[in-house]
Amino acid sequence: MPSRATYPTMLHRWGEFVYSFSGITEVTAGEQHFIAPPQLGLWIPEGIEHVGFNEEEAVHCSVYVTRRFCTRMPKHLCAVIVTPLVRAILEQLRDRSPDDDEPAARARLLRVLVDQLSTCATTGSYVPHTVDTELDAVLSVLKANPADQRSLAELAKAFHMSERTLIRRCEQELGMSLTEWRQRLRLVTALPLLRAGRSVESIALDLGYTTSSAFIAMFRRLTGTSPRRFIAQTNDSGS
């Protein structure tokens, strides 16, 4: 899909699993907002009104799951941690031509996919949002400038709260520390820049890192691989 693509509001009578082979998928449902880079998929149960969009160009798929196959799937909207096997099945389904495929064989593969999805670990949005207005003010400033270098204490002071209060609100509202949230924000900011051909060094500087090695260490911790290898893999998937 092209950059800045928005999908109309949808409400299904079936479950939907959304996965991006490259790019970042975003889904909003009510006050929930989910961001999923390629190591995550999104599970949307039936009956949940939602809107999908992507800021940057993305290659993605949707797998629709009828009610009788949803019994072991989560009952709430969530991100799913995609295993290598799930990704391999999705790639095989993507690469097969419907004209060349036997319906029975395809159905069996889809059943294996749903079975595997039902056992995958789930998580919240990769970069969580909050309805807490004071914390949202902090996050909005950081989203507008991911390179912001202010410490936790400096941010707390700038937004008229104690450092302890800011720490507590992050843990309660985001389920993670502000440091972790900022690193994830920088990761999802970096991915489209890497895909656009920007150098690791220039992206690291743009995101506030003094050295590219510090950026690479963050990237490797969050994705399990280096920036160049990660983009090579997603480019192969999107080709």
Protein backbone atom coordinates (compact mmCIF):
# COMPACT_ATOMS: atom_id res chain seq x y z
CA MET A 1 0.00 0.00 0.00
CA PRO A 2 1.23 3.54 -0.70
CA SER A 3 2.29 5.85 2.11
CA ARG A 4 -0.44 7.61 4.11
CA ALA A 5 -3.05 5.06 3.06
CA THR A 6 -6.17 4.99 5.23
CA TYR A 7 -8.77 2.24 5.22
CA PRO A 8 -12.44 2.99 5.94
CA THR A 9 -14.03 2.10 9.25
CA MET A 10 -14.68 -1.64 9.32
CA LEU A 11 -16.79 -3.98 11.44
CA HIS A 12 -16.55 -7.69 10.61
CA ARG A 13 -18.49 -10.80 11.55
CA TRP A 14 -15.22 -12.70 11.51
CA GLY A 15 -11.78 -12.37 13.07
CA GLU A 16 -8.98 -10.63 11.17
CA PHE A 17 -5.23 -11.08 11.45
CA VAL A 18 -3.22 -8.26 9.86
CA TYR A 19 0.48 -8.62 9.13
CA SER A 20 3.00 -6.39 7.36
CA PHE A 21 5.80 -8.08 5.46
CA SER A 22 7.41 -4.64 5.33
CA GLY A 23 6.40 -1.30 6.74
CA ILE A 24 4.36 -0.59 9.86
CA THR A 25 0.67 -1.32 10.38
CA GLU A 26 -1.48 0.90 12.58
CA VAL A 27 -5.02 0.17 13.77
CA THR A 28 -7.29 2.34 15.90
CA ALA A 29 -10.34 0.95 17.68
CA GLY A 30 -12.06 3.41 19.99
CA GLU A 31 -9.42 4.73 22.39
CA GLN A 32 -7.01 1.91 21.54
CA HIS A 33 -4.23 2.58 19.06
CA PHE A 34 -1.91 -0.21 17.96
CA ILE A 35 1.38 0.08 16.08
CA ALA A 36 2.90 -3.13 14.73
CA PRO A 37 6.31 -3.35 13.03
CA PRO A 38 7.09 -6.53 11.04
CA GLN A 39 7.88 -8.67 14.08
CA LEU A 40 4.27 -8.26 15.22
CA GLY A 41 0.85 -8.88 13.72
CA LEU A 42 -2.51 -7.53 14.87
CA TRP A 43 -5.46 -9.69 15.86
CA ILE A 44 -8.89 -8.05 15.55
CA PRO A 45 -11.77 -10.16 16.90
CA GLU A 46 -15.18 -10.04 15.26
CA GLY A 47 -17.47 -7.16 16.16
CA ILE A 48 -14.75 -4.58 16.84
CA GLU A 49 -15.09 -1.40 14.79
CA HIS A 50 -11.66 -0.31 13.63
CA VAL A 51 -9.73 1.86 11.19
CA GLY A 52 -6.39 0.89 9.66
CA PHE A 53 -3.69 3.05 8.12
CA ASN A 54 0.01 3.24 7.38
CA GLU A 55 2.19 6.34 7.38
CA GLU A 56 4.80 4.84 5.06
CA GLU A 57 4.61 2.42 2.14
CA ALA A 58 3.81 -1.08 3.37
CA VAL A 59 3.32 -4.60 2.03
CA HIS A 60 0.76 -6.37 4.15
CA CYS A 61 -1.93 -9.03 4.19
CA SER A 62 -5.16 -9.77 6.06
CA VAL A 63 -6.26 -13.27 7.02
CA TYR A 64 -9.99 -13.52 7.75
CA VAL A 65 -10.97 -16.23 10.23
CA THR A 66 -14.57 -17.45 10.48
CA ARG A 67 -16.20 -17.70 13.89
CA ARG A 68 -15.83 -21.47 14.29
CA PHE A 69 -12.05 -21.19 13.98
CA CYS A 70 -11.78 -18.29 16.45
CA THR A 71 -12.54 -20.20 19.63
CA ARG A 72 -8.88 -20.37 20.71
CA MET A 73 -7.98 -16.88 19.54
CA PRO A 74 -7.82 -13.87 21.90
CA LYS A 75 -11.16 -12.20 22.65
CA HIS A 76 -9.66 -8.71 22.56
CA LEU A 77 -7.74 -6.60 20.07
CA CYS A 78 -4.04 -7.24 20.57
CA ALA A 79 -0.64 -7.48 18.93
CA VAL A 80 0.66 -10.99 18.24
CA ILE A 81 4.35 -11.83 18.40
CA VAL A 82 4.97 -13.54 15.05
CA THR A 83 7.09 -16.69 15.15
CA PRO A 84 9.37 -17.73 12.26
CA LEU A 85 6.91 -20.52 11.40
CA VAL A 86 3.94 -18.15 11.20
CA ARG A 87 5.92 -15.77 9.01
CA ALA A 88 7.01 -18.65 6.74
CA ILE A 89 3.39 -19.80 6.31
CA LEU A 90 2.26 -16.25 5.51
CA GLU A 91 5.05 -15.89 2.94
CA GLN A 92 4.08 -19.20 1.33
CA LEU A 93 0.43 -18.16 1.13
CA ARG A 94 1.44 -14.81 -0.33
CA ASP A 95 3.69 -16.34 -2.98
CA ARG A 96 1.20 -18.96 -4.12
CA SER A 97 -1.03 -18.12 -7.05
CA PRO A 98 -4.68 -19.06 -6.38
CA ASP A 99 -4.82 -20.46 -9.90
CA ASP A 100 -1.93 -22.83 -9.19
CA ASP A 101 -3.11 -23.89 -5.74
CA GLU A 102 -5.31 -26.78 -4.73
CA PRO A 103 -8.15 -25.45 -2.52
CA ALA A 104 -7.84 -28.40 -0.12
CA ALA A 105 -4.10 -27.87 0.32
CA ARG A 106 -4.57 -24.15 0.85
CA ALA A 107 -7.30 -24.81 3.43
CA ARG A 108 -5.00 -27.16 5.34
CA LEU A 109 -2.25 -24.56 5.37
CA LEU A 110 -4.66 -21.91 6.63
CA ARG A 111 -5.79 -24.22 9.44
CA VAL A 112 -2.16 -24.72 10.48
CA LEU A 113 -1.72 -20.94 10.42
CA VAL A 114 -4.71 -20.35 12.69
CA ASP A 115 -3.54 -23.12 15.01
CA GLN A 116 -0.11 -21.51 15.26
CA LEU A 117 -1.56 -18.04 15.78
CA SER A 118 -3.64 -19.32 18.69
CA THR A 119 -0.44 -20.32 20.52
CA CYS A 120 1.56 -17.14 19.80
CA ALA A 121 2.31 -14.79 22.66
CA THR A 122 0.33 -11.54 22.63
CA THR A 123 1.19 -8.04 23.71
CA GLY A 124 -0.19 -4.52 23.63
CA SER A 125 0.66 -1.90 21.06
CA TYR A 126 4.36 -1.75 20.29
CA VAL A 127 4.33 1.99 21.04
CA PRO A 128 1.40 2.38 23.46
CA HIS A 129 -0.79 5.47 23.70
CA THR A 130 -2.52 6.81 26.78
CA VAL A 131 -5.73 8.61 27.69
CA ASP A 132 -3.97 10.28 30.63
CA THR A 133 -3.85 13.90 29.45
CA GLU A 134 -0.73 14.86 31.40
CA LEU A 135 1.26 11.85 30.25
CA ASP A 136 -0.07 12.28 26.71
CA ALA A 137 1.39 15.80 26.68
CA VAL A 138 4.83 14.34 27.41
CA LEU A 139 4.49 11.60 24.79
CA SER A 140 3.24 14.04 22.15
CA VAL A 141 6.36 16.18 22.55
CA LEU A 142 8.59 13.12 22.23
CA LYS A 143 6.69 11.85 19.17
CA ALA A 144 7.13 15.24 17.53
CA ASN A 145 10.86 15.07 18.22
CA PRO A 146 12.17 11.53 18.85
CA ALA A 147 15.69 12.99 19.16
CA ASP A 148 14.72 14.89 22.33
CA GLN A 149 17.59 14.23 24.75
CA ARG A 150 15.98 15.45 27.97
CA SER A 151 16.28 13.13 30.93
CA LEU A 152 13.34 11.75 32.87
CA ALA A 153 13.91 14.37 35.57
CA GLU A 154 14.06 17.19 33.01
CA LEU A 155 10.85 16.06 31.31
CA ALA A 156 9.05 15.73 34.63
CA LYS A 157 10.08 19.24 35.60
CA ALA A 158 9.06 20.65 32.20
CA PHE A 159 5.58 19.18 32.60
CA HIS A 160 5.17 20.17 36.25
CA MET A 161 5.21 16.75 37.86
CA SER A 162 7.65 14.85 40.03
CA GLU A 163 10.00 12.30 38.53
CA ARG A 164 8.37 9.62 40.65
CA THR A 165 4.92 10.56 39.33
CA LEU A 166 6.12 10.36 35.72
CA ILE A 167 7.69 6.95 36.35
CA ARG A 168 4.50 5.66 37.97
CA ARG A 169 2.25 6.94 35.18
CA CYS A 170 4.42 5.34 32.50
CA GLU A 171 4.30 1.97 34.25
CA GLN A 172 0.54 2.20 34.84
CA GLU A 173 -0.50 3.62 31.46
CA LEU A 174 2.12 2.21 29.10
CA GLY A 175 3.17 -0.98 30.87
CA MET A 176 6.83 -0.05 30.41
CA SER A 177 9.39 2.57 31.37
CA LEU A 178 9.65 5.84 29.47
CA THR A 179 13.14 4.79 28.35
CA GLU A 180 11.74 1.63 26.73
CA TRP A 181 8.91 3.62 25.13
CA ARG A 182 11.34 6.15 23.67
CA GLN A 183 13.54 3.42 22.21
CA ARG A 184 10.54 1.79 20.56
CA LEU A 185 9.46 5.16 19.17
CA ARG A 186 12.91 5.66 17.70
CA LEU A 187 12.81 2.19 16.17
CA VAL A 188 9.51 2.72 14.36
CA THR A 189 10.75 6.16 13.26
CA ALA A 190 13.93 4.61 11.88
CA LEU A 191 12.33 1.79 9.87
CA PRO A 192 10.86 3.89 7.00
CA LEU A 193 14.08 5.93 6.84
CA LEU A 194 16.13 2.76 6.46
CA ARG A 195 13.78 1.50 3.76
CA ALA A 196 14.16 4.83 1.95
CA GLY A 197 17.90 4.21 1.72
CA ARG A 198 19.12 6.55 4.44
CA SER A 199 22.42 5.57 6.03
CA VAL A 200 22.53 4.14 9.53
CA GLU A 201 24.88 6.95 10.56
CA SER A 202 22.56 9.78 9.45
CA ILE A 203 19.49 8.16 11.02
CA ALA A 204 21.34 7.66 14.30
CA LEU A 205 22.23 11.35 14.40
CA ASP A 206 18.67 12.39 13.50
CA LEU A 207 17.34 10.30 16.39
CA GLY A 208 19.67 11.85 18.94
CA TYR A 209 22.37 9.18 19.14
CA THR A 210 25.94 10.43 19.39
CA THR A 211 27.28 7.32 17.66
CA SER A 212 25.85 4.86 15.16
CA SER A 213 26.99 1.98 17.38
CA ALA A 214 24.60 3.10 20.14
CA PHE A 215 21.74 3.16 17.63
CA ILE A 216 22.69 -0.27 16.28
CA ALA A 217 22.81 -1.69 19.82
CA MET A 218 19.28 -0.39 20.49
CA PHE A 219 18.04 -1.74 17.15
CA ARG A 220 19.58 -5.15 17.76
CA ARG A 221 18.11 -5.38 21.26
CA LEU A 222 14.59 -4.65 20.01
CA THR A 223 14.63 -6.65 16.77
CA GLY A 224 17.32 -9.30 17.33
CA THR A 225 19.26 -8.23 14.26
CA SER A 226 21.19 -5.30 12.78
CA PRO A 227 19.49 -2.46 10.85
CA ARG A 228 21.00 -3.50 7.51
CA ARG A 229 20.10 -7.16 7.93
CA PHE A 230 16.59 -6.32 9.09
CA ILE A 231 15.91 -4.14 6.05
CA ALA A 232 17.45 -6.72 3.70
CA GLN A 233 15.06 -9.32 5.10
CA THR A 234 11.98 -7.11 4.77
CA ASN A 235 13.00 -6.04 1.27
CA ASP A 236 13.26 -9.70 0.29
CA SER A 237 9.79 -10.28 1.72
CA GLY A 238 8.32 -7.33 -0.11
CA SER A 239 9.85 -8.16 -3.49
